[in-house]
Amino acid sequence: MNPSDISRIIEMAWEDRTPFEAIEASYGLKEPDVIKLMRLEMKPSSFRMWRKRVTSRKTKHAKLRGFAVGTFRCATQKMR
């Protein structure tokens, strides 16, 4: 993967409303692969903070979301 793809995956993983399924659809990485990538690319303290944040978010998993449609895309987010 090139650095810009890695950067975008990390950005998507940090976003509360971007589910892991969206990352898999865009980049072919399943949740365990994203976790491995985050562990490799981030400082240990940042990784621990991210894991704590992700494990408490229902929005990171499409099946646990309380809504079927209604994602938000900010004006600066790239269209893929």
PDB file of N, CA and C in Angstrom:
ATOM      1  N   MET A   1       0.829  -1.192   0.000  1.00  0.00           N
ATOM      2  CA  MET A   1       0.000   0.000   0.000  1.00  0.00           C
ATOM      3  C   MET A   1       0.867   1.247   0.000  1.00  0.00           C
ATOM      4  N   ASN A   2       0.384   2.239  -0.685  1.00  0.00           N
ATOM      5  CA  ASN A   2       1.149   3.484  -0.703  1.00  0.00           C
ATOM      6  C   ASN A   2       0.785   4.337   0.523  1.00  0.00           C
ATOM      7  N   PRO A   3       1.635   5.290   0.863  1.00  0.00           N
ATOM      8  CA  PRO A   3       1.411   6.108   2.067  1.00  0.00           C
ATOM      9  C   PRO A   3       0.080   6.854   2.087  1.00  0.00           C
ATOM     10  N   SER A   4      -0.405   7.281   0.937  1.00  0.00           N
ATOM     11  CA  SER A   4      -1.682   8.008   0.928  1.00  0.00           C
ATOM     12  C   SER A   4      -2.849   7.071   1.253  1.00  0.00           C
ATOM     13  N   ASP A   5      -2.789   5.816   0.801  1.00  0.00           N
ATOM     14  CA  ASP A   5      -3.831   4.845   1.149  1.00  0.00           C
ATOM     15  C   ASP A   5      -3.806   4.542   2.643  1.00  0.00           C
ATOM     16  N   ILE A   6      -2.621   4.359   3.191  1.00  0.00           N
ATOM     17  CA  ILE A   6      -2.485   4.088   4.623  1.00  0.00           C
ATOM     18  C   ILE A   6      -3.036   5.261   5.426  1.00  0.00           C
ATOM     19  N   SER A   7      -2.702   6.461   5.008  1.00  0.00           N
ATOM     20  CA  SER A   7      -3.197   7.652   5.691  1.00  0.00           C
ATOM     21  C   SER A   7      -4.718   7.713   5.647  1.00  0.00           C
ATOM     22  N   ARG A   8      -5.307   7.409   4.511  1.00  0.00           N
ATOM     23  CA  ARG A   8      -6.766   7.445   4.367  1.00  0.00           C
ATOM     24  C   ARG A   8      -7.425   6.364   5.215  1.00  0.00           C
ATOM     25  N   ILE A   9      -6.841   5.183   5.282  1.00  0.00           N
ATOM     26  CA  ILE A   9      -7.396   4.103   6.106  1.00  0.00           C
ATOM     27  C   ILE A   9      -7.381   4.513   7.578  1.00  0.00           C
ATOM     28  N   ILE A  10      -6.285   5.098   8.015  1.00  0.00           N
ATOM     29  CA  ILE A  10      -6.190   5.561   9.403  1.00  0.00           C
ATOM     30  C   ILE A  10      -7.240   6.631   9.666  1.00  0.00           C
ATOM     31  N   GLU A  11      -7.403   7.540   8.732  1.00  0.00           N
ATOM     32  CA  GLU A  11      -8.412   8.589   8.876  1.00  0.00           C
ATOM     33  C   GLU A  11      -9.813   7.987   8.985  1.00  0.00           C
ATOM     34  N   MET A  12     -10.114   7.027   8.131  1.00  0.00           N
ATOM     35  CA  MET A  12     -11.425   6.371   8.155  1.00  0.00           C
ATOM     36  C   MET A  12     -11.631   5.599   9.460  1.00  0.00           C
ATOM     37  N   ALA A  13     -10.572   4.969   9.950  1.00  0.00           N
ATOM     38  CA  ALA A  13     -10.679   4.201  11.192  1.00  0.00           C
ATOM     39  C   ALA A  13     -10.947   5.112  12.384  1.00  0.00           C
ATOM     40  N   TRP A  14     -10.423   6.326  12.366  1.00  0.00           N
ATOM     41  CA  TRP A  14     -10.646   7.278  13.459  1.00  0.00           C
ATOM     42  C   TRP A  14     -12.046   7.879  13.420  1.00  0.00           C
ATOM     43  N   GLU A  15     -12.652   7.950  12.237  1.00  0.00           N
ATOM     44  CA  GLU A  15     -13.978   8.553  12.110  1.00  0.00           C
ATOM     45  C   GLU A  15     -15.011   7.677  12.809  1.00  0.00           C
ATOM     46  N   ASP A  16     -15.831   8.275  13.639  1.00  0.00           N
ATOM     47  CA  ASP A  16     -16.821   7.520  14.392  1.00  0.00           C
ATOM     48  C   ASP A  16     -17.871   6.867  13.509  1.00  0.00           C
ATOM     49  N   ARG A  17     -18.270   7.534  12.465  1.00  0.00           N
ATOM     50  CA  ARG A  17     -19.391   7.043  11.666  1.00  0.00           C
ATOM     51  C   ARG A  17     -18.976   6.230  10.443  1.00  0.00           C
ATOM     52  N   THR A  18     -17.712   5.951  10.291  1.00  0.00           N
ATOM     53  CA  THR A  18     -17.256   5.122   9.173  1.00  0.00           C
ATOM     54  C   THR A  18     -17.097   3.692   9.678  1.00  0.00           C
ATOM     55  N   PRO A  19     -17.968   2.775   9.237  1.00  0.00           N
ATOM     56  CA  PRO A  19     -17.865   1.399   9.724  1.00  0.00           C
ATOM     57  C   PRO A  19     -16.681   0.656   9.095  1.00  0.00           C
ATOM     58  N   PHE A  20     -16.262  -0.399   9.764  1.00  0.00           N
ATOM     59  CA  PHE A  20     -15.171  -1.217   9.235  1.00  0.00           C
ATOM     60  C   PHE A  20     -15.544  -1.814   7.879  1.00  0.00           C
ATOM     61  N   GLU A  21     -16.831  -2.040   7.656  1.00  0.00           N
ATOM     62  CA  GLU A  21     -17.285  -2.585   6.375  1.00  0.00           C
ATOM     63  C   GLU A  21     -16.989  -1.620   5.222  1.00  0.00           C
ATOM     64  N   ALA A  22     -17.037  -0.320   5.479  1.00  0.00           N
ATOM     65  CA  ALA A  22     -16.713   0.670   4.448  1.00  0.00           C
ATOM     66  C   ALA A  22     -15.220   0.620   4.104  1.00  0.00           C
ATOM     67  N   ILE A  23     -14.389   0.414   5.109  1.00  0.00           N
ATOM     68  CA  ILE A  23     -12.949   0.294   4.861  1.00  0.00           C
ATOM     69  C   ILE A  23     -12.675  -0.969   4.058  1.00  0.00           C
ATOM     70  N   GLU A  24     -13.375  -2.052   4.402  1.00  0.00           N
ATOM     71  CA  GLU A  24     -13.201  -3.306   3.657  1.00  0.00           C
ATOM     72  C   GLU A  24     -13.647  -3.151   2.204  1.00  0.00           C
ATOM     73  N   ALA A  25     -14.757  -2.466   1.995  1.00  0.00           N
ATOM     74  CA  ALA A  25     -15.249  -2.262   0.626  1.00  0.00           C
ATOM     75  C   ALA A  25     -14.291  -1.407  -0.196  1.00  0.00           C
ATOM     76  N   SER A  26     -13.669  -0.413   0.432  1.00  0.00           N
ATOM     77  CA  SER A  26     -12.779   0.493  -0.288  1.00  0.00           C
ATOM     78  C   SER A  26     -11.373  -0.053  -0.476  1.00  0.00           C
ATOM     79  N   TYR A  27     -10.861  -0.750   0.551  1.00  0.00           N
ATOM     80  CA  TYR A  27      -9.449  -1.155   0.528  1.00  0.00           C
ATOM     81  C   TYR A  27      -9.222  -2.659   0.696  1.00  0.00           C
ATOM     82  N   GLY A  28     -10.280  -3.421   0.929  1.00  0.00           N
ATOM     83  CA  GLY A  28     -10.151  -4.863   1.063  1.00  0.00           C
ATOM     84  C   GLY A  28      -9.567  -5.328   2.389  1.00  0.00           C
ATOM     85  N   LEU A  29      -9.541  -4.462   3.382  1.00  0.00           N
ATOM     86  CA  LEU A  29      -9.011  -4.820   4.700  1.00  0.00           C
ATOM     87  C   LEU A  29     -10.155  -5.100   5.666  1.00  0.00           C
ATOM     88  N   LYS A  30     -10.148  -6.283   6.248  1.00  0.00           N
ATOM     89  CA  LYS A  30     -11.137  -6.619   7.259  1.00  0.00           C
ATOM     90  C   LYS A  30     -10.735  -5.976   8.584  1.00  0.00           C
ATOM     91  N   GLU A  31     -11.636  -6.001   9.563  1.00  0.00           N
ATOM     92  CA  GLU A  31     -11.382  -5.349  10.852  1.00  0.00           C
ATOM     93  C   GLU A  31     -10.060  -5.780  11.493  1.00  0.00           C
ATOM     94  N   PRO A  32      -9.735  -7.093  11.562  1.00  0.00           N
ATOM     95  CA  PRO A  32      -8.442  -7.474  12.163  1.00  0.00           C
ATOM     96  C   PRO A  32      -7.235  -6.891  11.419  1.00  0.00           C
ATOM     97  N   ASP A  33      -7.364  -6.758  10.102  1.00  0.00           N
ATOM     98  CA  ASP A  33      -6.277  -6.171   9.312  1.00  0.00           C
ATOM     99  C   ASP A  33      -6.124  -4.676   9.597  1.00  0.00           C
ATOM    100  N   VAL A  34      -7.256  -4.007   9.782  1.00  0.00           N
ATOM    101  CA  VAL A  34      -7.212  -2.576  10.122  1.00  0.00           C
ATOM    102  C   VAL A  34      -6.560  -2.401  11.489  1.00  0.00           C
ATOM    103  N   ILE A  35      -6.908  -3.268  12.425  1.00  0.00           N
ATOM    104  CA  ILE A  35      -6.322  -3.195  13.760  1.00  0.00           C
ATOM    105  C   ILE A  35      -4.810  -3.391  13.689  1.00  0.00           C
ATOM    106  N   LYS A  36      -4.363  -4.370  12.898  1.00  0.00           N
ATOM    107  CA  LYS A  36      -2.916  -4.599  12.732  1.00  0.00           C
ATOM    108  C   LYS A  36      -2.228  -3.389  12.122  1.00  0.00           C
ATOM    109  N   LEU A  37      -2.855  -2.801  11.097  1.00  0.00           N
ATOM    110  CA  LEU A  37      -2.294  -1.617  10.454  1.00  0.00           C
ATOM    111  C   LEU A  37      -2.196  -0.458  11.439  1.00  0.00           C
ATOM    112  N   MET A  38      -3.243  -0.250  12.206  1.00  0.00           N
ATOM    113  CA  MET A  38      -3.239   0.836  13.191  1.00  0.00           C
ATOM    114  C   MET A  38      -2.144   0.599  14.236  1.00  0.00           C
ATOM    115  N   ARG A  39      -1.978  -0.643  14.663  1.00  0.00           N
ATOM    116  CA  ARG A  39      -0.950  -0.963  15.653  1.00  0.00           C
ATOM    117  C   ARG A  39       0.442  -0.663  15.107  1.00  0.00           C
ATOM    118  N   LEU A  40       0.677  -0.956  13.832  1.00  0.00           N
ATOM    119  CA  LEU A  40       1.985  -0.722  13.216  1.00  0.00           C
ATOM    120  C   LEU A  40       2.269   0.755  12.954  1.00  0.00           C
ATOM    121  N   GLU A  41       1.245   1.501  12.591  1.00  0.00           N
ATOM    122  CA  GLU A  41       1.437   2.876  12.136  1.00  0.00           C
ATOM    123  C   GLU A  41       1.330   3.931  13.239  1.00  0.00           C
ATOM    124  N   MET A  42       0.784   3.555  14.390  1.00  0.00           N
ATOM    125  CA  MET A  42       0.551   4.539  15.443  1.00  0.00           C
ATOM    126  C   MET A  42       1.464   4.314  16.635  1.00  0.00           C
ATOM    127  N   LYS A  43       1.627   5.370  17.421  1.00  0.00           N
ATOM    128  CA  LYS A  43       2.340   5.225  18.682  1.00  0.00           C
ATOM    129  C   LYS A  43       1.499   4.327  19.588  1.00  0.00           C
ATOM    130  N   PRO A  44       2.139   3.580  20.487  1.00  0.00           N
ATOM    131  CA  PRO A  44       1.376   2.685  21.371  1.00  0.00           C
ATOM    132  C   PRO A  44       0.256   3.384  22.157  1.00  0.00           C
ATOM    133  N   SER A  45       0.528   4.565  22.656  1.00  0.00           N
ATOM    134  CA  SER A  45      -0.502   5.275  23.423  1.00  0.00           C
ATOM    135  C   SER A  45      -1.673   5.697  22.532  1.00  0.00           C
ATOM    136  N   SER A  46      -1.383   6.103  21.310  1.00  0.00           N
ATOM    137  CA  SER A  46      -2.447   6.486  20.372  1.00  0.00           C
ATOM    138  C   SER A  46      -3.265   5.271  19.968  1.00  0.00           C
ATOM    139  N   PHE A  47      -2.598   4.144  19.780  1.00  0.00           N
ATOM    140  CA  PHE A  47      -3.308   2.919  19.425  1.00  0.00           C
ATOM    141  C   PHE A  47      -4.246   2.504  20.562  1.00  0.00           C
ATOM    142  N   ARG A  48      -3.762   2.544  21.801  1.00  0.00           N
ATOM    143  CA  ARG A  48      -4.613   2.184  22.938  1.00  0.00           C
ATOM    144  C   ARG A  48      -5.820   3.112  23.034  1.00  0.00           C
ATOM    145  N   MET A  49      -5.619   4.401  22.813  1.00  0.00           N
ATOM    146  CA  MET A  49      -6.714   5.360  22.847  1.00  0.00           C
ATOM    147  C   MET A  49      -7.730   5.047  21.737  1.00  0.00           C
ATOM    148  N   TRP A  50      -7.249   4.731  20.544  1.00  0.00           N
ATOM    149  CA  TRP A  50      -8.131   4.395  19.423  1.00  0.00           C
ATOM    150  C   TRP A  50      -8.924   3.135  19.719  1.00  0.00           C
ATOM    151  N   ARG A  51      -8.266   2.102  20.245  1.00  0.00           N
ATOM    152  CA  ARG A  51      -8.958   0.840  20.548  1.00  0.00           C
ATOM    153  C   ARG A  51     -10.039   1.053  21.598  1.00  0.00           C
ATOM    154  N   LYS A  52      -9.748   1.840  22.596  1.00  0.00           N
ATOM    155  CA  LYS A  52     -10.739   2.127  23.636  1.00  0.00           C
ATOM    156  C   LYS A  52     -11.938   2.839  23.021  1.00  0.00           C
ATOM    157  N   ARG A  53     -11.662   3.769  22.135  1.00  0.00           N
ATOM    158  CA  ARG A  53     -12.713   4.539  21.472  1.00  0.00           C
ATOM    159  C   ARG A  53     -13.558   3.647  20.555  1.00  0.00           C
ATOM    160  N   VAL A  54     -12.907   2.798  19.775  1.00  0.00           N
ATOM    161  CA  VAL A  54     -13.613   1.963  18.795  1.00  0.00           C
ATOM    162  C   VAL A  54     -14.475   0.900  19.473  1.00  0.00           C
ATOM    163  N   THR A  55     -13.979   0.317  20.538  1.00  0.00           N
ATOM    164  CA  THR A  55     -14.729  -0.760  21.177  1.00  0.00           C
ATOM    165  C   THR A  55     -16.028  -0.264  21.813  1.00  0.00           C
ATOM    166  N   SER A  56     -16.151   1.008  22.062  1.00  0.00           N
ATOM    167  CA  SER A  56     -17.384   1.530  22.654  1.00  0.00           C
ATOM    168  C   SER A  56     -18.319   2.153  21.621  1.00  0.00           C
ATOM    169  N   ARG A  57     -18.014   2.034  20.339  1.00  0.00           N
ATOM    170  CA  ARG A  57     -18.825   2.660  19.279  1.00  0.00           C
ATOM    171  C   ARG A  57     -19.627   1.617  18.508  1.00  0.00           C
ATOM    172  N   LYS A  58     -20.933   1.733  18.536  1.00  0.00           N
ATOM    173  CA  LYS A  58     -21.772   0.851  17.735  1.00  0.00           C
ATOM    174  C   LYS A  58     -21.697   1.227  16.259  1.00  0.00           C
ATOM    175  N   THR A  59     -21.372   2.474  15.978  1.00  0.00           N
ATOM    176  CA  THR A  59     -21.362   2.941  14.595  1.00  0.00           C
ATOM    177  C   THR A  59     -20.200   2.385  13.783  1.00  0.00           C
ATOM    178  N   LYS A  60     -19.219   1.750  14.427  1.00  0.00           N
ATOM    179  CA  LYS A  60     -18.077   1.198  13.692  1.00  0.00           C
ATOM    180  C   LYS A  60     -18.411  -0.141  13.051  1.00  0.00           C
ATOM    181  N   HIS A  61     -19.585  -0.692  13.340  1.00  0.00           N
ATOM    182  CA  HIS A  61     -20.019  -1.961  12.765  1.00  0.00           C
ATOM    183  C   HIS A  61     -21.401  -1.775  12.159  1.00  0.00           C
ATOM    184  N   ALA A  62     -21.518  -2.030  10.869  1.00  0.00           N
ATOM    185  CA  ALA A  62     -22.773  -1.782  10.158  1.00  0.00           C
ATOM    186  C   ALA A  62     -23.942  -2.554  10.778  1.00  0.00           C
ATOM    187  N   LYS A  63     -23.720  -3.763  11.260  1.00  0.00           N
ATOM    188  CA  LYS A  63     -24.797  -4.571  11.824  1.00  0.00           C
ATOM    189  C   LYS A  63     -25.327  -4.002  13.144  1.00  0.00           C
ATOM    190  N   LEU A  64     -24.501  -3.259  13.861  1.00  0.00           N
ATOM    191  CA  LEU A  64     -24.909  -2.720  15.157  1.00  0.00           C
ATOM    192  C   LEU A  64     -25.496  -1.322  15.075  1.00  0.00           C
ATOM    193  N   ARG A  65     -25.455  -0.730  13.888  1.00  0.00           N
ATOM    194  CA  ARG A  65     -25.948   0.636  13.734  1.00  0.00           C
ATOM    195  C   ARG A  65     -27.455   0.670  13.909  1.00  0.00           C
ATOM    196  N   GLY A  66     -27.952   1.756  14.449  1.00  0.00           N
ATOM    197  CA  GLY A  66     -29.377   1.920  14.669  1.00  0.00           C
ATOM    198  C   GLY A  66     -30.114   2.469  13.460  1.00  0.00           C
ATOM    199  N   PHE A  67     -29.441   2.660  12.355  1.00  0.00           N
ATOM    200  CA  PHE A  67     -30.070   3.208  11.164  1.00  0.00           C
ATOM    201  C   PHE A  67     -29.492   2.523   9.922  1.00  0.00           C
ATOM    202  N   ALA A  68     -30.304   2.414   8.885  1.00  0.00           N
ATOM    203  CA  ALA A  68     -29.861   1.746   7.659  1.00  0.00           C
ATOM    204  C   ALA A  68     -29.209   2.721   6.698  1.00  0.00           C
ATOM    205  N   VAL A  69     -29.746   3.925   6.621  1.00  0.00           N
ATOM    206  CA  VAL A  69     -29.230   4.930   5.702  1.00  0.00           C
ATOM    207  C   VAL A  69     -29.061   6.217   6.480  1.00  0.00           C
ATOM    208  N   GLY A  70     -28.144   7.051   6.034  1.00  0.00           N
ATOM    209  CA  GLY A  70     -28.007   8.334   6.687  1.00  0.00           C
ATOM    210  C   GLY A  70     -26.589   8.639   7.119  1.00  0.00           C
ATOM    211  N   THR A  71     -25.646   8.296   6.274  1.00  0.00           N
ATOM    212  CA  THR A  71     -24.272   8.614   6.618  1.00  0.00           C
ATOM    213  C   THR A  71     -23.992  10.068   6.302  1.00  0.00           C
ATOM    214  N   PHE A  72     -23.093  10.652   7.049  1.00  0.00           N
ATOM    215  CA  PHE A  72     -22.716  12.045   6.851  1.00  0.00           C
ATOM    216  C   PHE A  72     -21.366  12.091   6.151  1.00  0.00           C
ATOM    217  N   ARG A  73     -21.238  12.946   5.176  1.00  0.00           N
ATOM    218  CA  ARG A  73     -19.971  13.136   4.479  1.00  0.00           C
ATOM    219  C   ARG A  73     -19.658  14.622   4.510  1.00  0.00           C
ATOM    220  N   CYS A  74     -18.536  14.965   5.128  1.00  0.00           N
ATOM    221  CA  CYS A  74     -18.180  16.378   5.202  1.00  0.00           C
ATOM    222  C   CYS A  74     -17.686  16.865   3.831  1.00  0.00           C
ATOM    223  N   ALA A  75     -17.636  18.144   3.662  1.00  0.00           N
ATOM    224  CA  ALA A  75     -17.277  18.743   2.372  1.00  0.00           C
ATOM    225  C   ALA A  75     -15.846  18.415   1.958  1.00  0.00           C
ATOM    226  N   THR A  76     -14.971  18.176   2.923  1.00  0.00           N
ATOM    227  CA  THR A  76     -13.569  17.899   2.594  1.00  0.00           C
ATOM    228  C   THR A  76     -13.266  16.416   2.411  1.00  0.00           C
ATOM    229  N   GLN A  77     -14.236  15.560   2.682  1.00  0.00           N
ATOM    230  CA  GLN A  77     -14.018  14.114   2.555  1.00  0.00           C
ATOM    231  C   GLN A  77     -14.001  13.722   1.090  1.00  0.00           C
ATOM    232  N   LYS A  78     -13.029  12.919   0.720  1.00  0.00           N
ATOM    233  CA  LYS A  78     -12.877  12.494  -0.673  1.00  0.00           C
ATOM    234  C   LYS A  78     -14.017  11.561  -1.079  1.00  0.00           C
ATOM    235  N   MET A  79     -14.439  11.708  -2.304  1.00  0.00           N
ATOM    236  CA  MET A  79     -15.460  10.812  -2.857  1.00  0.00           C
ATOM    237  C   MET A  79     -14.743   9.650  -3.518  1.00  0.00           C
ATOM    238  N   ARG A  80     -15.053   8.446  -3.131  1.00  0.00           N
ATOM    239  CA  ARG A  80     -14.449   7.235  -3.739  1.00  0.00           C
ATOM    240  C   ARG A  80     -15.511   6.421  -4.381  1.00  0.00           C
TER     241      ARG A  80
END
